[in-house]
Amino acid sequence: MAGRKITLIFSLVAIFSKGLTTVIQTQQTVLAAVGEDAEFSCQLLETKDVLQVTWQKISHDVETNVATFSKYFGQKVNTDFTVKFGFKYTGLQNCSIVIRNVTEQDEGCYRCLFNTYPEGSFIGRTCLQVYELHEPVVDVRESNSTEEWVVSCSATGRPAPTVTLSVSQQDLNFSQYNTVSVSNTNATFTVTTTAVLSGSRKHSTQVGCAARVLSAPHREVMVTIPDDDDDELDEKSGSNPRNLGIRISIILSCVALVVCIAAVIFVGYRTTCQSRTGPS
């Protein structure tokens, strides 16, 4: 009988707590990039006699008071959190705070408590998820075939980003995809996707690379590949980078050869002069 009473009490507490939670409007999850600010807001949907709004951070199932706002004492951020936390908007029915310059240590869940009389506390819960995403780097190089390019894109983030390649010209397509993920010492991941771009380039085309982490906004870069006609024109005019490199190599080789010949002639001439002016 005693066991049934205890079970019933726990059930009532669970239902009562759930009922209190449903009158709070808040975000379930807040995404924020490393270095950005994160904002949490809670709104009490029913008019109550609120004495104070309390914000707490939950760490290892331990609730720590971060900030409070009340009608008589105003807003207060606890000493240990003054650098990181601040109020965005204060109200006894609607209240929000900001975490400045978020880091991995700020990840976790936070609670807002509308402390009322005589009903008790109405509680909302929001969890912060911190991510990191750097701008992707694209490398395009021509393969052995004149109608193929090897496109490689790398992006670093936390958690591991998703890297996607795209091309603006419809008659070009990617194949032979290869993706490699490397874990870095700072808990980030570098993901590199490589693919072969095939087809005849009738005009210049743009190759894009988009990097995504979770549901956060993606980061994208674009590079332009010149068309085949531009390549042929460059070859005829001698301005093609590959032809220019070959010509520079030939010129440097010729200069080196001339220097060697001049050195040999100088040494031979000096030896002849010394033999003529020597003792008879």
Protein backbone atom coordinates (compact mmCIF):
# COMPACT_ATOMS: atom_id res chain seq x y z
CA MET A 1 0.00 0.00 0.00
CA ALA A 2 2.84 2.37 0.92
CA GLY A 3 4.54 1.57 -2.39
CA ARG A 4 1.37 2.49 -4.29
CA LYS A 5 1.15 5.81 -2.45
CA ILE A 6 4.75 6.69 -3.33
CA THR A 7 4.18 5.81 -6.98
CA LEU A 8 1.05 7.94 -7.06
CA ILE A 9 2.89 10.91 -5.53
CA PHE A 10 5.67 10.69 -8.11
CA SER A 11 3.10 10.44 -10.89
CA LEU A 12 1.31 13.55 -9.68
CA VAL A 13 4.59 15.46 -9.45
CA ALA A 14 5.48 14.48 -12.99
CA ILE A 15 2.09 15.55 -14.33
CA PHE A 16 2.19 18.78 -12.33
CA SER A 17 5.68 19.65 -13.60
CA LYS A 18 4.70 18.86 -17.15
CA GLY A 19 1.65 21.08 -16.84
CA LEU A 20 3.81 23.99 -15.67
CA THR A 21 6.23 23.52 -18.55
CA THR A 22 3.55 23.73 -21.22
CA VAL A 23 2.80 27.38 -20.42
CA ILE A 24 6.37 28.43 -21.28
CA GLN A 25 7.31 29.29 -24.85
CA THR A 26 11.02 28.90 -25.59
CA GLN A 27 13.45 27.39 -28.11
CA GLN A 28 14.31 23.73 -27.69
CA THR A 29 17.76 24.18 -29.25
CA VAL A 30 19.85 27.24 -30.03
CA LEU A 31 22.69 26.97 -32.56
CA ALA A 32 25.61 29.37 -32.30
CA ALA A 33 28.99 29.51 -34.02
CA VAL A 34 32.16 29.79 -31.97
CA GLY A 35 32.77 33.47 -31.24
CA GLU A 36 29.18 34.56 -31.86
CA ASP A 37 26.54 35.58 -29.32
CA ALA A 38 23.69 33.23 -28.38
CA GLU A 39 20.30 34.49 -27.22
CA PHE A 40 17.80 32.60 -25.09
CA SER A 41 14.25 33.81 -24.55
CA CYS A 42 11.35 32.57 -22.46
CA GLN A 43 7.76 33.79 -22.49
CA LEU A 44 5.04 32.97 -19.99
CA LEU A 45 1.90 32.39 -22.06
CA GLU A 46 -0.52 32.82 -19.16
CA THR A 47 -0.79 35.90 -16.98
CA LYS A 48 0.57 35.10 -13.54
CA ASP A 49 1.74 37.01 -10.49
CA VAL A 50 5.48 36.65 -11.19
CA LEU A 51 7.82 37.69 -8.40
CA GLN A 52 11.12 36.88 -10.10
CA VAL A 53 12.58 35.35 -13.28
CA THR A 54 15.62 33.14 -12.71
CA TRP A 55 18.04 31.78 -15.32
CA GLN A 56 20.06 28.65 -14.54
CA LYS A 57 22.81 26.67 -16.23
CA ILE A 58 22.59 22.88 -15.97
CA SER A 59 25.93 21.09 -15.70
CA HIS A 60 26.14 17.40 -14.77
CA ASP A 61 22.55 17.57 -13.50
CA VAL A 62 23.44 20.47 -11.21
CA GLU A 63 21.52 23.75 -11.59
CA THR A 64 23.54 26.93 -11.04
CA ASN A 65 21.88 30.34 -10.88
CA VAL A 66 23.23 32.62 -13.62
CA ALA A 67 21.00 35.69 -13.52
CA THR A 68 17.79 36.98 -11.97
CA PHE A 69 15.28 39.72 -12.66
CA SER A 70 12.63 40.96 -10.26
CA LYS A 71 10.27 43.91 -10.09
CA TYR A 72 11.82 45.29 -6.91
CA PHE A 73 15.52 44.45 -7.31
CA GLY A 74 15.85 44.72 -11.09
CA GLN A 75 18.33 42.62 -13.06
CA LYS A 76 21.34 40.90 -11.57
CA VAL A 77 23.98 38.64 -13.11
CA ASN A 78 25.90 36.50 -10.64
CA THR A 79 29.56 37.40 -10.18
CA ASP A 80 30.96 34.27 -11.88
CA PHE A 81 28.96 34.97 -15.06
CA THR A 82 29.16 38.75 -15.54
CA VAL A 83 31.68 38.49 -18.40
CA LYS A 84 29.72 35.92 -20.40
CA PHE A 85 26.05 36.69 -19.65
CA GLY A 86 23.82 39.72 -19.98
CA PHE A 87 20.13 40.54 -20.30
CA LYS A 88 18.71 41.21 -23.76
CA TYR A 89 15.20 42.01 -22.61
CA THR A 90 13.76 42.04 -19.10
CA GLY A 91 10.16 41.46 -18.17
CA LEU A 92 8.20 39.37 -15.69
CA GLN A 93 6.20 37.73 -18.50
CA ASN A 94 8.90 37.70 -21.18
CA CYS A 95 12.64 37.63 -20.51
CA SER A 96 15.78 36.89 -22.56
CA ILE A 97 19.53 36.68 -21.95
CA VAL A 98 22.62 36.66 -24.15
CA ILE A 99 25.77 34.55 -23.90
CA ARG A 100 28.64 36.54 -25.37
CA ASN A 101 31.43 35.08 -27.51
CA VAL A 102 30.32 31.46 -27.09
CA THR A 103 32.85 28.65 -26.73
CA GLU A 104 32.64 24.89 -26.33
CA GLN A 105 32.45 25.35 -22.55
CA ASP A 106 29.13 27.18 -22.95
CA GLU A 107 27.43 24.14 -24.51
CA GLY A 108 24.69 22.60 -22.45
CA CYS A 109 21.16 23.27 -21.28
CA TYR A 110 19.73 26.34 -19.56
CA ARG A 111 16.50 26.87 -17.61
CA CYS A 112 14.25 29.86 -17.15
CA LEU A 113 12.06 29.87 -14.05
CA PHE A 114 9.09 32.20 -13.62
CA ASN A 115 8.71 32.20 -9.84
CA THR A 116 5.06 32.95 -9.03
CA TYR A 117 2.92 33.17 -5.95
CA PRO A 118 1.20 31.01 -4.86
CA GLU A 119 1.56 28.51 -7.72
CA GLY A 120 5.33 28.06 -7.65
CA SER A 121 7.80 28.00 -10.54
CA PHE A 122 6.97 27.69 -14.24
CA ILE A 123 10.04 26.23 -15.97
CA GLY A 124 11.32 26.35 -19.53
CA ARG A 125 14.42 24.59 -20.87
CA THR A 126 16.71 25.45 -23.81
CA CYS A 127 19.90 23.69 -24.94
CA LEU A 128 22.82 25.44 -26.62
CA GLN A 129 24.75 23.65 -29.35
CA VAL A 130 28.01 25.30 -30.41
CA TYR A 131 29.48 24.66 -33.85
CA GLU A 132 32.51 25.78 -35.82
CA LEU A 133 32.79 26.21 -39.58
CA HIS A 134 35.59 27.81 -41.58
CA GLU A 135 35.43 28.95 -45.20
CA PRO A 136 36.11 26.07 -47.62
CA VAL A 137 39.18 26.04 -49.84
CA VAL A 138 38.83 24.94 -53.49
CA ASP A 139 41.63 23.67 -55.73
CA VAL A 140 41.10 23.07 -59.47
CA ARG A 141 43.75 21.50 -61.67
CA GLU A 142 43.70 20.06 -65.17
CA SER A 143 44.10 16.32 -65.50
CA ASN A 144 45.92 14.46 -68.26
CA SER A 145 42.80 14.67 -70.41
CA THR A 146 41.99 18.03 -72.04
CA GLU A 147 38.31 17.65 -71.10
CA GLU A 148 38.79 16.71 -67.44
CA TRP A 149 39.57 18.74 -64.36
CA VAL A 150 40.27 17.47 -60.86
CA VAL A 151 38.34 19.55 -58.33
CA SER A 152 39.16 19.33 -54.64
CA CYS A 153 37.47 21.15 -51.75
CA SER A 154 38.42 21.13 -48.05
CA ALA A 155 36.41 22.48 -45.12
CA THR A 156 37.19 22.47 -41.40
CA GLY A 157 34.53 22.51 -38.69
CA ARG A 158 32.98 20.93 -35.63
CA PRO A 159 31.20 18.59 -35.90
CA ALA A 160 32.51 17.21 -39.20
CA PRO A 161 31.12 19.35 -42.05
CA THR A 162 29.38 18.09 -45.17
CA VAL A 163 31.17 19.21 -48.35
CA THR A 164 29.22 19.49 -51.63
CA LEU A 165 30.56 20.32 -55.10
CA SER A 166 28.51 22.01 -57.84
CA VAL A 167 29.06 23.30 -61.39
CA SER A 168 27.17 26.00 -63.30
CA GLN A 169 27.47 24.51 -66.81
CA GLN A 170 24.80 21.85 -67.42
CA ASP A 171 26.77 19.68 -69.85
CA LEU A 172 29.57 19.22 -67.30
CA ASN A 173 29.33 16.61 -64.57
CA PHE A 174 31.26 15.27 -61.60
CA SER A 175 32.34 11.65 -61.17
CA GLN A 176 34.80 9.53 -59.19
CA TYR A 177 33.96 11.19 -55.89
CA ASN A 178 36.30 10.62 -52.96
CA THR A 179 35.82 12.02 -49.45
CA VAL A 180 38.36 11.92 -46.61
CA SER A 181 37.79 13.14 -43.04
CA VAL A 182 40.71 13.96 -40.72
CA SER A 183 40.36 14.56 -36.98
CA ASN A 184 42.36 17.55 -35.74
CA THR A 185 43.90 18.05 -32.29
CA ASN A 186 41.52 20.94 -31.49
CA ALA A 187 38.44 18.68 -31.80
CA THR A 188 37.60 19.95 -35.31
CA PHE A 189 37.45 17.86 -38.47
CA THR A 190 38.84 18.63 -41.92
CA VAL A 191 36.76 17.03 -44.67
CA THR A 192 38.13 16.94 -48.22
CA THR A 193 36.00 15.96 -51.21
CA THR A 194 37.65 15.34 -54.58
CA ALA A 195 35.92 14.64 -57.90
CA VAL A 196 36.65 14.64 -61.62
CA LEU A 197 34.82 17.25 -63.70
CA SER A 198 34.23 16.01 -67.26
CA GLY A 199 32.91 17.60 -70.45
CA SER A 200 33.72 20.20 -73.10
CA ARG A 201 33.82 23.76 -71.79
CA LYS A 202 32.18 25.92 -74.49
CA HIS A 203 32.35 28.92 -72.19
CA SER A 204 33.82 29.75 -68.81
CA THR A 205 32.10 27.96 -65.96
CA GLN A 206 31.94 28.31 -62.21
CA VAL A 207 32.67 25.51 -59.78
CA GLY A 208 31.20 25.87 -56.31
CA CYS A 209 31.90 24.25 -52.98
CA ALA A 210 29.44 24.45 -50.06
CA ALA A 211 30.24 23.39 -46.50
CA ARG A 212 27.50 22.70 -43.95
CA VAL A 213 27.39 21.88 -40.25
CA LEU A 214 24.15 20.74 -38.61
CA SER A 215 21.31 23.06 -39.66
CA ALA A 216 23.44 26.20 -39.46
CA PRO A 217 23.87 28.49 -42.51
CA HIS A 218 26.29 27.05 -45.05
CA ARG A 219 29.48 28.66 -46.31
CA GLU A 220 30.22 28.60 -50.05
CA VAL A 221 33.03 29.67 -52.38
CA MET A 222 33.10 29.83 -56.19
CA VAL A 223 36.01 29.58 -58.65
CA THR A 224 35.92 30.22 -62.40
CA ILE A 225 37.37 27.83 -65.00
CA PRO A 226 38.08 29.52 -68.38
CA ASP A 227 36.59 28.01 -71.54
CA ASP A 228 38.51 25.93 -74.09
CA ASP A 229 38.66 28.80 -76.61
CA ASP A 230 40.40 31.00 -74.07
CA ASP A 231 42.97 28.27 -73.54
CA GLU A 232 43.65 27.99 -77.28
CA LEU A 233 43.92 31.77 -77.61
CA ASP A 234 46.37 31.87 -74.74
CA GLU A 235 48.48 29.17 -76.36
CA LYS A 236 48.62 31.10 -79.66
CA SER A 237 49.46 34.38 -77.96
CA GLY A 238 51.96 32.75 -75.66
CA SER A 239 50.16 33.92 -72.54
CA ASN A 240 49.08 30.48 -71.41
CA PRO A 241 50.54 29.93 -67.90
CA ARG A 242 51.93 26.52 -68.87
CA ASN A 243 53.63 27.89 -72.02
CA LEU A 244 54.92 30.85 -70.04
CA GLY A 245 56.48 28.52 -67.49
CA ILE A 246 58.17 26.49 -70.21
CA ARG A 247 59.56 29.62 -71.86
CA ILE A 248 60.89 30.92 -68.57
CA SER A 249 62.61 27.58 -67.92
CA ILE A 250 64.23 27.66 -71.38
CA ILE A 251 65.46 31.24 -70.85
CA LEU A 252 66.93 30.39 -67.44
CA SER A 253 68.67 27.34 -68.91
CA CYS A 254 70.18 29.44 -71.71
CA VAL A 255 71.41 32.03 -69.20
CA ALA A 256 73.02 29.34 -67.07
CA LEU A 257 74.73 27.86 -70.16
CA VAL A 258 76.10 31.27 -71.20
CA VAL A 259 77.45 31.87 -67.69
CA CYS A 260 79.21 28.48 -67.71
CA ILE A 261 80.78 29.12 -71.13
CA ALA A 262 81.95 32.58 -70.03
CA ALA A 263 83.50 31.11 -66.89
CA VAL A 264 85.39 28.48 -68.90
CA ILE A 265 86.69 31.11 -71.33
CA PHE A 266 87.76 33.38 -68.46
CA VAL A 267 89.64 30.59 -66.67
CA GLY A 268 91.38 29.57 -69.91
CA TYR A 269 92.36 33.15 -70.72
CA ARG A 270 93.73 33.72 -67.22
CA THR A 271 95.81 30.55 -67.40
CA THR A 272 97.30 31.60 -70.77
CA CYS A 273 98.22 35.05 -69.41
CA GLN A 274 99.94 33.56 -66.38
CA SER A 275 102.02 31.19 -68.56
CA ARG A 276 103.18 34.08 -70.78
CA THR A 277 104.24 36.35 -67.89
CA GLY A 278 105.95 33.62 -65.93
CA PRO A 279 109.79 33.24 -65.53
CA SER A 280 111.65 32.21 -68.70
